[in-house]
PDB file of N, CA and C in Angstrom:
ATOM      1  N   MET A   1      -1.775 -48.654 -26.960  1.00  0.00           N
ATOM      2  CA  MET A   1      -1.215 -47.363 -26.629  1.00  0.00           C
ATOM      3  C   MET A   1      -0.371 -47.498 -25.362  1.00  0.00           C
ATOM      4  N   SER A   2       0.778 -46.836 -25.358  1.00  0.00           N
ATOM      5  CA  SER A   2       1.698 -47.007 -24.233  1.00  0.00           C
ATOM      6  C   SER A   2       1.280 -46.137 -23.043  1.00  0.00           C
ATOM      7  N   ARG A   3       1.704 -46.560 -21.874  1.00  0.00           N
ATOM      8  CA  ARG A   3       1.357 -45.873 -20.640  1.00  0.00           C
ATOM      9  C   ARG A   3       2.303 -44.701 -20.426  1.00  0.00           C
ATOM     10  N   VAL A   4       1.748 -43.575 -19.960  1.00  0.00           N
ATOM     11  CA  VAL A   4       2.548 -42.388 -19.686  1.00  0.00           C
ATOM     12  C   VAL A   4       2.715 -42.262 -18.186  1.00  0.00           C
ATOM     13  N   LYS A   5       3.945 -42.212 -17.737  1.00  0.00           N
ATOM     14  CA  LYS A   5       4.207 -42.031 -16.315  1.00  0.00           C
ATOM     15  C   LYS A   5       4.440 -40.546 -16.045  1.00  0.00           C
ATOM     16  N   GLY A   6       3.804 -40.037 -15.011  1.00  0.00           N
ATOM     17  CA  GLY A   6       3.860 -38.593 -14.741  1.00  0.00           C
ATOM     18  C   GLY A   6       4.841 -38.194 -13.679  1.00  0.00           C
ATOM     19  N   GLY A   7       5.870 -38.989 -13.474  1.00  0.00           N
ATOM     20  CA  GLY A   7       6.804 -38.707 -12.388  1.00  0.00           C
ATOM     21  C   GLY A   7       7.521 -37.385 -12.539  1.00  0.00           C
ATOM     22  N   THR A   8       7.947 -37.057 -13.737  1.00  0.00           N
ATOM     23  CA  THR A   8       8.699 -35.815 -13.957  1.00  0.00           C
ATOM     24  C   THR A   8       7.825 -34.609 -13.666  1.00  0.00           C
ATOM     25  N   THR A   9       6.607 -34.633 -14.170  1.00  0.00           N
ATOM     26  CA  THR A   9       5.695 -33.508 -13.962  1.00  0.00           C
ATOM     27  C   THR A   9       5.326 -33.368 -12.491  1.00  0.00           C
ATOM     28  N   SER A  10       5.009 -34.496 -11.848  1.00  0.00           N
ATOM     29  CA  SER A  10       4.643 -34.445 -10.429  1.00  0.00           C
ATOM     30  C   SER A  10       5.804 -33.931  -9.587  1.00  0.00           C
ATOM     31  N   HIS A  11       6.998 -34.421  -9.894  1.00  0.00           N
ATOM     32  CA  HIS A  11       8.159 -33.989  -9.121  1.00  0.00           C
ATOM     33  C   HIS A  11       8.383 -32.485  -9.278  1.00  0.00           C
ATOM     34  N   ALA A  12       8.214 -31.993 -10.499  1.00  0.00           N
ATOM     35  CA  ALA A  12       8.407 -30.562 -10.735  1.00  0.00           C
ATOM     36  C   ALA A  12       7.358 -29.747  -9.970  1.00  0.00           C
ATOM     37  N   ARG A  13       6.116 -30.220  -9.976  1.00  0.00           N
ATOM     38  CA  ARG A  13       5.042 -29.517  -9.271  1.00  0.00           C
ATOM     39  C   ARG A  13       5.292 -29.522  -7.763  1.00  0.00           C
ATOM     40  N   HIS A  14       5.691 -30.669  -7.239  1.00  0.00           N
ATOM     41  CA  HIS A  14       5.988 -30.763  -5.813  1.00  0.00           C
ATOM     42  C   HIS A  14       7.162 -29.844  -5.453  1.00  0.00           C
ATOM     43  N   ARG A  15       8.196 -29.864  -6.287  1.00  0.00           N
ATOM     44  CA  ARG A  15       9.371 -29.053  -5.997  1.00  0.00           C
ATOM     45  C   ARG A  15       9.009 -27.561  -6.006  1.00  0.00           C
ATOM     46  N   LYS A  16       8.122 -27.162  -6.915  1.00  0.00           N
ATOM     47  CA  LYS A  16       7.712 -25.762  -6.998  1.00  0.00           C
ATOM     48  C   LYS A  16       6.981 -25.334  -5.716  1.00  0.00           C
ATOM     49  N   VAL A  17       6.101 -26.192  -5.217  1.00  0.00           N
ATOM     50  CA  VAL A  17       5.349 -25.861  -4.002  1.00  0.00           C
ATOM     51  C   VAL A  17       6.272 -25.834  -2.795  1.00  0.00           C
ATOM     52  N   VAL A  18       7.145 -26.830  -2.672  1.00  0.00           N
ATOM     53  CA  VAL A  18       8.043 -26.894  -1.522  1.00  0.00           C
ATOM     54  C   VAL A  18       9.028 -25.722  -1.543  1.00  0.00           C
ATOM     55  N   LYS A  19       9.434 -25.310  -2.733  1.00  0.00           N
ATOM     56  CA  LYS A  19      10.322 -24.152  -2.837  1.00  0.00           C
ATOM     57  C   LYS A  19       9.602 -22.882  -2.380  1.00  0.00           C
ATOM     58  N   ALA A  20       8.308 -22.765  -2.709  1.00  0.00           N
ATOM     59  CA  ALA A  20       7.540 -21.598  -2.273  1.00  0.00           C
ATOM     60  C   ALA A  20       7.349 -21.600  -0.765  1.00  0.00           C
ATOM     61  N   ALA A  21       7.390 -22.791  -0.138  1.00  0.00           N
ATOM     62  CA  ALA A  21       7.192 -22.906   1.303  1.00  0.00           C
ATOM     63  C   ALA A  21       8.502 -22.808   2.069  1.00  0.00           C
ATOM     64  N   LYS A  22       9.580 -22.477   1.410  1.00  0.00           N
ATOM     65  CA  LYS A  22      10.885 -22.393   2.063  1.00  0.00           C
ATOM     66  C   LYS A  22      10.838 -21.341   3.169  1.00  0.00           C
ATOM     67  N   GLY A  23      11.331 -21.704   4.344  1.00  0.00           N
ATOM     68  CA  GLY A  23      11.339 -20.788   5.467  1.00  0.00           C
ATOM     69  C   GLY A  23      10.166 -20.968   6.400  1.00  0.00           C
ATOM     70  N   TYR A  24       9.192 -21.798   6.039  1.00  0.00           N
ATOM     71  CA  TYR A  24       8.063 -22.045   6.924  1.00  0.00           C
ATOM     72  C   TYR A  24       8.508 -22.938   8.071  1.00  0.00           C
ATOM     73  N   TYR A  25       7.686 -23.010   9.127  1.00  0.00           N
ATOM     74  CA  TYR A  25       8.032 -23.729  10.338  1.00  0.00           C
ATOM     75  C   TYR A  25       7.554 -25.174  10.267  1.00  0.00           C
ATOM     76  N   GLY A  26       8.367 -26.096  10.730  1.00  0.00           N
ATOM     77  CA  GLY A  26       7.965 -27.499  10.865  1.00  0.00           C
ATOM     78  C   GLY A  26       7.810 -28.212   9.538  1.00  0.00           C
ATOM     79  N   ARG A  27       6.828 -29.113   9.482  1.00  0.00           N
ATOM     80  CA  ARG A  27       6.630 -29.919   8.281  1.00  0.00           C
ATOM     81  C   ARG A  27       6.034 -29.123   7.136  1.00  0.00           C
ATOM     82  N   ARG A  28       5.581 -27.900   7.420  1.00  0.00           N
ATOM     83  CA  ARG A  28       5.001 -27.070   6.360  1.00  0.00           C
ATOM     84  C   ARG A  28       6.025 -26.751   5.276  1.00  0.00           C
ATOM     85  N   LYS A  29       7.315 -26.841   5.615  1.00  0.00           N
ATOM     86  CA  LYS A  29       8.340 -26.459   4.644  1.00  0.00           C
ATOM     87  C   LYS A  29       8.792 -27.595   3.751  1.00  0.00           C
ATOM     88  N   ASN A  30       8.549 -28.873   4.148  1.00  0.00           N
ATOM     89  CA  ASN A  30       9.126 -29.945   3.358  1.00  0.00           C
ATOM     90  C   ASN A  30       8.162 -31.093   3.049  1.00  0.00           C
ATOM     91  N   THR A  31       6.939 -31.058   3.572  1.00  0.00           N
ATOM     92  CA  THR A  31       5.959 -32.086   3.261  1.00  0.00           C
ATOM     93  C   THR A  31       4.956 -31.500   2.279  1.00  0.00           C
ATOM     94  N   PHE A  32       4.788 -32.165   1.153  1.00  0.00           N
ATOM     95  CA  PHE A  32       4.019 -31.572   0.064  1.00  0.00           C
ATOM     96  C   PHE A  32       2.595 -31.247   0.478  1.00  0.00           C
ATOM     97  N   ARG A  33       1.935 -32.149   1.184  1.00  0.00           N
ATOM     98  CA  ARG A  33       0.521 -31.943   1.500  1.00  0.00           C
ATOM     99  C   ARG A  33       0.326 -30.715   2.395  1.00  0.00           C
ATOM    100  N   THR A  34       1.120 -30.589   3.435  1.00  0.00           N
ATOM    101  CA  THR A  34       0.975 -29.437   4.316  1.00  0.00           C
ATOM    102  C   THR A  34       1.558 -28.177   3.683  1.00  0.00           C
ATOM    103  N   ALA A  35       2.597 -28.339   2.880  1.00  0.00           N
ATOM    104  CA  ALA A  35       3.176 -27.179   2.194  1.00  0.00           C
ATOM    105  C   ALA A  35       2.177 -26.590   1.210  1.00  0.00           C
ATOM    106  N   THR A  36       1.392 -27.448   0.540  1.00  0.00           N
ATOM    107  CA  THR A  36       0.383 -26.960  -0.403  1.00  0.00           C
ATOM    108  C   THR A  36      -0.641 -26.099   0.321  1.00  0.00           C
ATOM    109  N   GLN A  37      -1.102 -26.555   1.474  1.00  0.00           N
ATOM    110  CA  GLN A  37      -2.071 -25.782   2.246  1.00  0.00           C
ATOM    111  C   GLN A  37      -1.476 -24.451   2.694  1.00  0.00           C
ATOM    112  N   ALA A  38      -0.233 -24.499   3.165  1.00  0.00           N
ATOM    113  CA  ALA A  38       0.402 -23.288   3.678  1.00  0.00           C
ATOM    114  C   ALA A  38       0.636 -22.271   2.561  1.00  0.00           C
ATOM    115  N   VAL A  39       1.062 -22.750   1.394  1.00  0.00           N
ATOM    116  CA  VAL A  39       1.330 -21.845   0.273  1.00  0.00           C
ATOM    117  C   VAL A  39       0.030 -21.254  -0.250  1.00  0.00           C
ATOM    118  N   ASP A  40      -1.027 -22.064  -0.317  1.00  0.00           N
ATOM    119  CA  ASP A  40      -2.320 -21.540  -0.770  1.00  0.00           C
ATOM    120  C   ASP A  40      -2.823 -20.449   0.161  1.00  0.00           C
ATOM    121  N   LYS A  41      -2.717 -20.679   1.471  1.00  0.00           N
ATOM    122  CA  LYS A  41      -3.170 -19.671   2.434  1.00  0.00           C
ATOM    123  C   LYS A  41      -2.301 -18.426   2.352  1.00  0.00           C
ATOM    124  N   ALA A  42      -1.002 -18.607   2.156  1.00  0.00           N
ATOM    125  CA  ALA A  42      -0.106 -17.457   2.039  1.00  0.00           C
ATOM    126  C   ALA A  42      -0.456 -16.617   0.813  1.00  0.00           C
ATOM    127  N   ASN A  43      -0.825 -17.288  -0.282  1.00  0.00           N
ATOM    128  CA  ASN A  43      -1.223 -16.555  -1.486  1.00  0.00           C
ATOM    129  C   ASN A  43      -2.534 -15.805  -1.271  1.00  0.00           C
ATOM    130  N   GLN A  44      -3.444 -16.377  -0.503  1.00  0.00           N
ATOM    131  CA  GLN A  44      -4.686 -15.674  -0.180  1.00  0.00           C
ATOM    132  C   GLN A  44      -4.394 -14.414   0.630  1.00  0.00           C
ATOM    133  N   TYR A  45      -3.508 -14.546   1.619  1.00  0.00           N
ATOM    134  CA  TYR A  45      -3.138 -13.387   2.427  1.00  0.00           C
ATOM    135  C   TYR A  45      -2.452 -12.324   1.569  1.00  0.00           C
ATOM    136  N   ALA A  46      -1.582 -12.764   0.670  1.00  0.00           N
ATOM    137  CA  ALA A  46      -0.845 -11.810  -0.160  1.00  0.00           C
ATOM    138  C   ALA A  46      -1.799 -11.036  -1.061  1.00  0.00           C
ATOM    139  N   THR A  47      -2.792 -11.731  -1.626  1.00  0.00           N
ATOM    140  CA  THR A  47      -3.758 -11.069  -2.496  1.00  0.00           C
ATOM    141  C   THR A  47      -4.573 -10.058  -1.702  1.00  0.00           C
ATOM    142  N   ARG A  48      -5.045 -10.468  -0.527  1.00  0.00           N
ATOM    143  CA  ARG A  48      -5.850  -9.579   0.318  1.00  0.00           C
ATOM    144  C   ARG A  48      -5.033  -8.368   0.761  1.00  0.00           C
ATOM    145  N   ASP A  49      -3.785  -8.597   1.151  1.00  0.00           N
ATOM    146  CA  ASP A  49      -2.999  -7.534   1.740  1.00  0.00           C
ATOM    147  C   ASP A  49      -2.424  -6.563   0.726  1.00  0.00           C
ATOM    148  N   ARG A  50      -2.431  -6.921  -0.556  1.00  0.00           N
ATOM    149  CA  ARG A  50      -2.052  -5.926  -1.558  1.00  0.00           C
ATOM    150  C   ARG A  50      -3.065  -4.789  -1.572  1.00  0.00           C
ATOM    151  N   LYS A  51      -4.342  -5.113  -1.425  1.00  0.00           N
ATOM    152  CA  LYS A  51      -5.367  -4.071  -1.338  1.00  0.00           C
ATOM    153  C   LYS A  51      -5.249  -3.313  -0.013  1.00  0.00           C
ATOM    154  N   ALA A  52      -5.012  -4.048   1.077  1.00  0.00           N
ATOM    155  CA  ALA A  52      -4.922  -3.413   2.389  1.00  0.00           C
ATOM    156  C   ALA A  52      -3.743  -2.449   2.451  1.00  0.00           C
ATOM    157  N   ARG A  53      -2.642  -2.796   1.794  1.00  0.00           N
ATOM    158  CA  ARG A  53      -1.469  -1.919   1.806  1.00  0.00           C
ATOM    159  C   ARG A  53      -1.794  -0.578   1.157  1.00  0.00           C
ATOM    160  N   LYS A  54      -2.575  -0.601   0.074  1.00  0.00           N
ATOM    161  CA  LYS A  54      -2.962   0.651  -0.572  1.00  0.00           C
ATOM    162  C   LYS A  54      -3.809   1.505   0.370  1.00  0.00           C
ATOM    163  N   ARG A  55      -4.748   0.861   1.085  1.00  0.00           N
ATOM    164  CA  ARG A  55      -5.577   1.596   2.043  1.00  0.00           C
ATOM    165  C   ARG A  55      -4.731   2.172   3.165  1.00  0.00           C
ATOM    166  N   ASN A  56      -3.795   1.380   3.681  1.00  0.00           N
ATOM    167  CA  ASN A  56      -2.973   1.836   4.803  1.00  0.00           C
ATOM    168  C   ASN A  56      -2.101   3.024   4.423  1.00  0.00           C
ATOM    169  N   PHE A  57      -1.518   2.977   3.225  1.00  0.00           N
ATOM    170  CA  PHE A  57      -0.667   4.087   2.814  1.00  0.00           C
ATOM    171  C   PHE A  57      -1.484   5.350   2.585  1.00  0.00           C
ATOM    172  N   ARG A  58      -2.669   5.210   1.999  1.00  0.00           N
ATOM    173  CA  ARG A  58      -3.504   6.395   1.793  1.00  0.00           C
ATOM    174  C   ARG A  58      -3.873   7.018   3.141  1.00  0.00           C
ATOM    175  N   ALA A  59      -4.215   6.176   4.125  1.00  0.00           N
ATOM    176  CA  ALA A  59      -4.538   6.698   5.456  1.00  0.00           C
ATOM    177  C   ALA A  59      -3.326   7.394   6.082  1.00  0.00           C
ATOM    178  N   LEU A  60      -2.135   6.827   5.896  1.00  0.00           N
ATOM    179  CA  LEU A  60      -0.922   7.446   6.428  1.00  0.00           C
ATOM    180  C   LEU A  60      -0.675   8.812   5.790  1.00  0.00           C
ATOM    181  N   TRP A  61      -0.857   8.886   4.453  1.00  0.00           N
ATOM    182  CA  TRP A  61      -0.650  10.166   3.764  1.00  0.00           C
ATOM    183  C   TRP A  61      -1.641  11.210   4.269  1.00  0.00           C
ATOM    184  N   ILE A  62      -2.891  10.808   4.468  1.00  0.00           N
ATOM    185  CA  ILE A  62      -3.906  11.748   4.941  1.00  0.00           C
ATOM    186  C   ILE A  62      -3.552  12.246   6.338  1.00  0.00           C
ATOM    187  N   GLN A  63      -3.088  11.364   7.206  1.00  0.00           N
ATOM    188  CA  GLN A  63      -2.704  11.783   8.557  1.00  0.00           C
ATOM    189  C   GLN A  63      -1.541  12.764   8.520  1.00  0.00           C
ATOM    190  N   ARG A  64      -0.569  12.495   7.673  1.00  0.00           N
ATOM    191  CA  ARG A  64       0.581  13.398   7.581  1.00  0.00           C
ATOM    192  C   ARG A  64       0.173  14.762   7.036  1.00  0.00           C
ATOM    193  N   ILE A  65      -0.689  14.765   6.012  1.00  0.00           N
ATOM    194  CA  ILE A  65      -1.141  16.037   5.431  1.00  0.00           C
ATOM    195  C   ILE A  65      -1.935  16.816   6.469  1.00  0.00           C
ATOM    196  N   ASN A  66      -2.821  16.138   7.186  1.00  0.00           N
ATOM    197  CA  ASN A  66      -3.641  16.803   8.194  1.00  0.00           C
ATOM    198  C   ASN A  66      -2.763  17.433   9.273  1.00  0.00           C
ATOM    199  N   ALA A  67      -1.766  16.698   9.735  1.00  0.00           N
ATOM    200  CA  ALA A  67      -0.878  17.233  10.776  1.00  0.00           C
ATOM    201  C   ALA A  67      -0.115  18.446  10.259  1.00  0.00           C
ATOM    202  N   ALA A  68       0.372  18.373   9.018  1.00  0.00           N
ATOM    203  CA  ALA A  68       1.144  19.487   8.469  1.00  0.00           C
ATOM    204  C   ALA A  68       0.264  20.703   8.228  1.00  0.00           C
ATOM    205  N   VAL A  69      -0.970  20.502   7.770  1.00  0.00           N
ATOM    206  CA  VAL A  69      -1.884  21.619   7.528  1.00  0.00           C
ATOM    207  C   VAL A  69      -2.211  22.311   8.840  1.00  0.00           C
ATOM    208  N   ARG A  70      -2.490  21.517   9.879  1.00  0.00           N
ATOM    209  CA  ARG A  70      -2.823  22.114  11.174  1.00  0.00           C
ATOM    210  C   ARG A  70      -1.615  22.807  11.804  1.00  0.00           C
ATOM    211  N   ALA A  71      -0.405  22.367  11.460  1.00  0.00           N
ATOM    212  CA  ALA A  71       0.790  23.047  11.966  1.00  0.00           C
ATOM    213  C   ALA A  71       0.923  24.440  11.347  1.00  0.00           C
ATOM    214  N   HIS A  72       0.468  24.596  10.105  1.00  0.00           N
ATOM    215  CA  HIS A  72       0.544  25.899   9.440  1.00  0.00           C
ATOM    216  C   HIS A  72      -0.621  26.802   9.826  1.00  0.00           C
ATOM    217  N   ASP A  73      -1.802  26.205  10.030  1.00  0.00           N
ATOM    218  CA  ASP A  73      -2.986  26.996  10.347  1.00  0.00           C
ATOM    219  C   ASP A  73      -3.913  26.138  11.205  1.00  0.00           C
ATOM    220  N   GLU A  74      -4.112  26.531  12.463  1.00  0.00           N
ATOM    221  CA  GLU A  74      -4.871  25.700  13.396  1.00  0.00           C
ATOM    222  C   GLU A  74      -6.333  25.562  13.004  1.00  0.00           C
ATOM    223  N   THR A  75      -6.874  26.553  12.298  1.00  0.00           N
ATOM    224  CA  THR A  75      -8.297  26.513  11.954  1.00  0.00           C
ATOM    225  C   THR A  75      -8.570  25.690  10.698  1.00  0.00           C
ATOM    226  N   LEU A  76      -7.537  25.420   9.930  1.00  0.00           N
ATOM    227  CA  LEU A  76      -7.721  24.702   8.666  1.00  0.00           C
ATOM    228  C   LEU A  76      -7.638  23.200   8.915  1.00  0.00           C
ATOM    229  N   THR A  77      -8.634  22.474   8.403  1.00  0.00           N
ATOM    230  CA  THR A  77      -8.650  21.021   8.540  1.00  0.00           C
ATOM    231  C   THR A  77      -8.239  20.385   7.221  1.00  0.00           C
ATOM    232  N   TYR A  78      -8.050  19.075   7.269  1.00  0.00           N
ATOM    233  CA  TYR A  78      -7.656  18.344   6.062  1.00  0.00           C
ATOM    234  C   TYR A  78      -8.704  18.475   4.963  1.00  0.00           C
ATOM    235  N   SER A  79      -9.971  18.279   5.326  1.00  0.00           N
ATOM    236  CA  SER A  79     -11.017  18.284   4.302  1.00  0.00           C
ATOM    237  C   SER A  79     -11.173  19.668   3.677  1.00  0.00           C
ATOM    238  N   ARG A  80     -11.075  20.713   4.497  1.00  0.00           N
ATOM    239  CA  ARG A  80     -11.173  22.067   3.946  1.00  0.00           C
ATOM    240  C   ARG A  80      -9.948  22.384   3.091  1.00  0.00           C
ATOM    241  N   PHE A  81      -8.791  21.856   3.492  1.00  0.00           N
ATOM    242  CA  PHE A  81      -7.566  22.047   2.699  1.00  0.00           C
ATOM    243  C   PHE A  81      -7.705  21.404   1.321  1.00  0.00           C
ATOM    244  N   ILE A  82      -8.225  20.168   1.277  1.00  0.00           N
ATOM    245  CA  ILE A  82      -8.421  19.494  -0.006  1.00  0.00           C
ATOM    246  C   ILE A  82      -9.442  20.249  -0.856  1.00  0.00           C
ATOM    247  N   ASN A  83     -10.474  20.792  -0.201  1.00  0.00           N
ATOM    248  CA  ASN A  83     -11.451  21.600  -0.930  1.00  0.00           C
ATOM    249  C   ASN A  83     -10.790  22.847  -1.502  1.00  0.00           C
ATOM    250  N   GLY A  84      -9.923  23.486  -0.720  1.00  0.00           N
ATOM    251  CA  GLY A  84      -9.211  24.663  -1.209  1.00  0.00           C
ATOM    252  C   GLY A  84      -8.288  24.340  -2.368  1.00  0.00           C
ATOM    253  N   LEU A  85      -7.670  23.162  -2.319  1.00  0.00           N
ATOM    254  CA  LEU A  85      -6.815  22.751  -3.443  1.00  0.00           C
ATOM    255  C   LEU A  85      -7.631  22.595  -4.717  1.00  0.00           C
ATOM    256  N   SER A  86      -8.801  21.992  -4.603  1.00  0.00           N
ATOM    257  CA  SER A  86      -9.624  21.802  -5.803  1.00  0.00           C
ATOM    258  C   SER A  86     -10.128  23.145  -6.329  1.00  0.00           C
ATOM    259  N   LEU A  87     -10.470  24.070  -5.421  1.00  0.00           N
ATOM    260  CA  LEU A  87     -10.893  25.406  -5.857  1.00  0.00           C
ATOM    261  C   LEU A  87      -9.746  26.156  -6.528  1.00  0.00           C
ATOM    262  N   ALA A  88      -8.524  25.942  -6.048  1.00  0.00           N
ATOM    263  CA  ALA A  88      -7.357  26.614  -6.613  1.00  0.00           C
ATOM    264  C   ALA A  88      -6.886  25.946  -7.908  1.00  0.00           C
ATOM    265  N   GLY A  89      -7.432  24.777  -8.204  1.00  0.00           N
ATOM    266  CA  GLY A  89      -7.026  24.072  -9.411  1.00  0.00           C
ATOM    267  C   GLY A  89      -5.689  23.370  -9.278  1.00  0.00           C
ATOM    268  N   ILE A  90      -5.292  23.067  -8.055  1.00  0.00           N
ATOM    269  CA  ILE A  90      -4.031  22.378  -7.813  1.00  0.00           C
ATOM    270  C   ILE A  90      -4.317  20.884  -7.775  1.00  0.00           C
ATOM    271  N   GLU A  91      -3.751  20.154  -8.707  1.00  0.00           N
ATOM    272  CA  GLU A  91      -3.979  18.715  -8.790  1.00  0.00           C
ATOM    273  C   GLU A  91      -2.704  17.971  -8.402  1.00  0.00           C
ATOM    274  N   VAL A  92      -2.499  17.868  -7.102  1.00  0.00           N
ATOM    275  CA  VAL A  92      -1.364  17.118  -6.561  1.00  0.00           C
ATOM    276  C   VAL A  92      -1.947  16.008  -5.713  1.00  0.00           C
ATOM    277  N   ASP A  93      -1.485  14.789  -5.930  1.00  0.00           N
ATOM    278  CA  ASP A  93      -2.081  13.677  -5.189  1.00  0.00           C
ATOM    279  C   ASP A  93      -1.565  13.639  -3.747  1.00  0.00           C
ATOM    280  N   ARG A  94      -2.215  12.814  -2.942  1.00  0.00           N
ATOM    281  CA  ARG A  94      -1.933  12.787  -1.515  1.00  0.00           C
ATOM    282  C   ARG A  94      -0.535  12.279  -1.213  1.00  0.00           C
ATOM    283  N   LYS A  95      -0.047  11.369  -2.026  1.00  0.00           N
ATOM    284  CA  LYS A  95       1.305  10.838  -1.812  1.00  0.00           C
ATOM    285  C   LYS A  95       2.334  11.956  -1.932  1.00  0.00           C
ATOM    286  N   VAL A  96       2.204  12.768  -2.965  1.00  0.00           N
ATOM    287  CA  VAL A  96       3.157  13.855  -3.188  1.00  0.00           C
ATOM    288  C   VAL A  96       2.984  14.937  -2.119  1.00  0.00           C
ATOM    289  N   LEU A  97       1.728  15.225  -1.749  1.00  0.00           N
ATOM    290  CA  LEU A  97       1.495  16.225  -0.706  1.00  0.00           C
ATOM    291  C   LEU A  97       2.137  15.808   0.614  1.00  0.00           C
ATOM    292  N   ALA A  98       1.987  14.527   0.973  1.00  0.00           N
ATOM    293  CA  ALA A  98       2.586  14.041   2.216  1.00  0.00           C
ATOM    294  C   ALA A  98       4.103  14.110   2.156  1.00  0.00           C
ATOM    295  N   ASP A  99       4.676  13.792   0.994  1.00  0.00           N
ATOM    296  CA  ASP A  99       6.128  13.857   0.836  1.00  0.00           C
ATOM    297  C   ASP A  99       6.612  15.307   0.942  1.00  0.00           C
ATOM    298  N   LEU A 100       5.859  16.222   0.327  1.00  0.00           N
ATOM    299  CA  LEU A 100       6.220  17.642   0.438  1.00  0.00           C
ATOM    300  C   LEU A 100       6.128  18.114   1.890  1.00  0.00           C
ATOM    301  N   ALA A 101       5.100  17.676   2.586  1.00  0.00           N
ATOM    302  CA  ALA A 101       4.920  18.104   3.980  1.00  0.00           C
ATOM    303  C   ALA A 101       6.087  17.660   4.848  1.00  0.00           C
ATOM    304  N   VAL A 102       6.645  16.493   4.550  1.00  0.00           N
ATOM    305  CA  VAL A 102       7.742  15.975   5.372  1.00  0.00           C
ATOM    306  C   VAL A 102       9.083  16.551   4.934  1.00  0.00           C
ATOM    307  N   HIS A 103       9.350  16.560   3.619  1.00  0.00           N
ATOM    308  CA  HIS A 103      10.693  16.899   3.141  1.00  0.00           C
ATOM    309  C   HIS A 103      10.854  18.331   2.642  1.00  0.00           C
ATOM    310  N   GLU A 104       9.775  18.972   2.214  1.00  0.00           N
ATOM    311  CA  GLU A 104       9.851  20.339   1.675  1.00  0.00           C
ATOM    312  C   GLU A 104       8.799  21.216   2.358  1.00  0.00           C
ATOM    313  N   PRO A 105       9.001  21.576   3.624  1.00  0.00           N
ATOM    314  CA  PRO A 105       7.952  22.330   4.330  1.00  0.00           C
ATOM    315  C   PRO A 105       7.652  23.700   3.723  1.00  0.00           C
ATOM    316  N   GLU A 106       8.654  24.325   3.105  1.00  0.00           N
ATOM    317  CA  GLU A 106       8.412  25.650   2.516  1.00  0.00           C
ATOM    318  C   GLU A 106       7.465  25.543   1.319  1.00  0.00           C
ATOM    319  N   ALA A 107       7.697  24.547   0.480  1.00  0.00           N
ATOM    320  CA  ALA A 107       6.820  24.347  -0.678  1.00  0.00           C
ATOM    321  C   ALA A 107       5.413  23.980  -0.229  1.00  0.00           C
ATOM    322  N   PHE A 108       5.326  23.147   0.809  1.00  0.00           N
ATOM    323  CA  PHE A 108       4.006  22.772   1.316  1.00  0.00           C
ATOM    324  C   PHE A 108       3.296  23.990   1.907  1.00  0.00           C
ATOM    325  N   ALA A 109       4.046  24.866   2.575  1.00  0.00           N
ATOM    326  CA  ALA A 109       3.447  26.079   3.133  1.00  0.00           C
ATOM    327  C   ALA A 109       2.883  26.969   2.027  1.00  0.00           C
ATOM    328  N   ALA A 110       3.585  27.025   0.896  1.00  0.00           N
ATOM    329  CA  ALA A 110       3.079  27.823  -0.228  1.00  0.00           C
ATOM    330  C   ALA A 110       1.773  27.242  -0.765  1.00  0.00           C
ATOM    331  N   ILE A 111       1.692  25.923  -0.827  1.00  0.00           N
ATOM    332  CA  ILE A 111       0.459  25.287  -1.294  1.00  0.00           C
ATOM    333  C   ILE A 111      -0.674  25.547  -0.308  1.00  0.00           C
ATOM    334  N   VAL A 112      -0.373  25.480   0.993  1.00  0.00           N
ATOM    335  CA  VAL A 112      -1.391  25.750   2.012  1.00  0.00           C
ATOM    336  C   VAL A 112      -1.889  27.183   1.887  1.00  0.00           C
ATOM    337  N   ASP A 113      -0.979  28.123   1.639  1.00  0.00           N
ATOM    338  CA  ASP A 113      -1.383  29.516   1.492  1.00  0.00           C
ATOM    339  C   ASP A 113      -2.293  29.714   0.284  1.00  0.00           C
ATOM    340  N   GLN A 114      -1.999  29.052  -0.811  1.00  0.00           N
ATOM    341  CA  GLN A 114      -2.850  29.161  -1.993  1.00  0.00           C
ATOM    342  C   GLN A 114      -4.244  28.589  -1.722  1.00  0.00           C
ATOM    343  N   ALA A 115      -4.291  27.437  -1.053  1.00  0.00           N
ATOM    344  CA  ALA A 115      -5.585  26.832  -0.740  1.00  0.00           C
ATOM    345  C   ALA A 115      -6.375  27.716   0.218  1.00  0.00           C
ATOM    346  N   ARG A 116      -5.697  28.299   1.222  1.00  0.00           N
ATOM    347  CA  ARG A 116      -6.370  29.168   2.176  1.00  0.00           C
ATOM    348  C   ARG A 116      -6.901  30.411   1.474  1.00  0.00           C
ATOM    349  N   ALA A 117      -6.149  30.969   0.536  1.00  0.00           N
ATOM    350  CA  ALA A 117      -6.594  32.153  -0.189  1.00  0.00           C
ATOM    351  C   ALA A 117      -7.845  31.862  -1.016  1.00  0.00           C
ATOM    352  N   LYS A 118      -7.910  30.701  -1.634  1.00  0.00           N
ATOM    353  CA  LYS A 118      -9.091  30.347  -2.429  1.00  0.00           C
ATOM    354  C   LYS A 118     -10.298  30.085  -1.536  1.00  0.00           C
ATOM    355  N   LEU A 119     -10.062  29.553  -0.335  1.00  0.00           N
ATOM    356  CA  LEU A 119     -11.185  29.327   0.582  1.00  0.00           C
ATOM    357  C   LEU A 119     -11.737  30.643   1.101  1.00  0.00           C
ATOM    358  N   ALA A 120     -10.842  31.633   1.329  1.00  0.00           N
ATOM    359  CA  ALA A 120     -11.283  32.921   1.860  1.00  0.00           C
ATOM    360  C   ALA A 120     -12.024  33.730   0.808  1.00  0.00           C
ATOM    361  N   ALA A 121     -11.683  33.514  -0.461  1.00  0.00           N
ATOM    362  CA  ALA A 121     -12.300  34.309  -1.528  1.00  0.00           C
ATOM    363  C   ALA A 121     -13.701  33.875  -1.856  1.00  0.00           C
TER     364      ALA A 121
END
C-alpha cells in the first residue's frame, strides 16, 4: 500500500488558523503553534461574550426604561411599571420599550399612563 503524504491538508489547516489570527500582536499572528493557542482562546472569549452581550443589553434597556418611567412619574418604579403593563395586557418587550422611551416619548408616555391606570384600579 502506498504512503499518503498529508502536506496539502496540513498546509490548509495551518493557513486557516493563521488567517484567523490575522491582526494579532507578535508571533501570535504568523507562528502556527502560538496562533493556535491565541485563536482557541479568542473563540472561548467569543462564545462567553455572546451570552454576556445579551445580559448587558437587557440591563441597558432596563436602566433606560426605569429612567424614562421615573421622568414621567416620580413615584412609579420600573418593577411596578412592568407589573402595570402585565395587568394592562400590554406585551411589549424591553428592547422596544427602551427604544420608545428614547425615540418616541409621547407613545411611551401613553403606555406609562395605561400601566399607571391599571395599577390604581
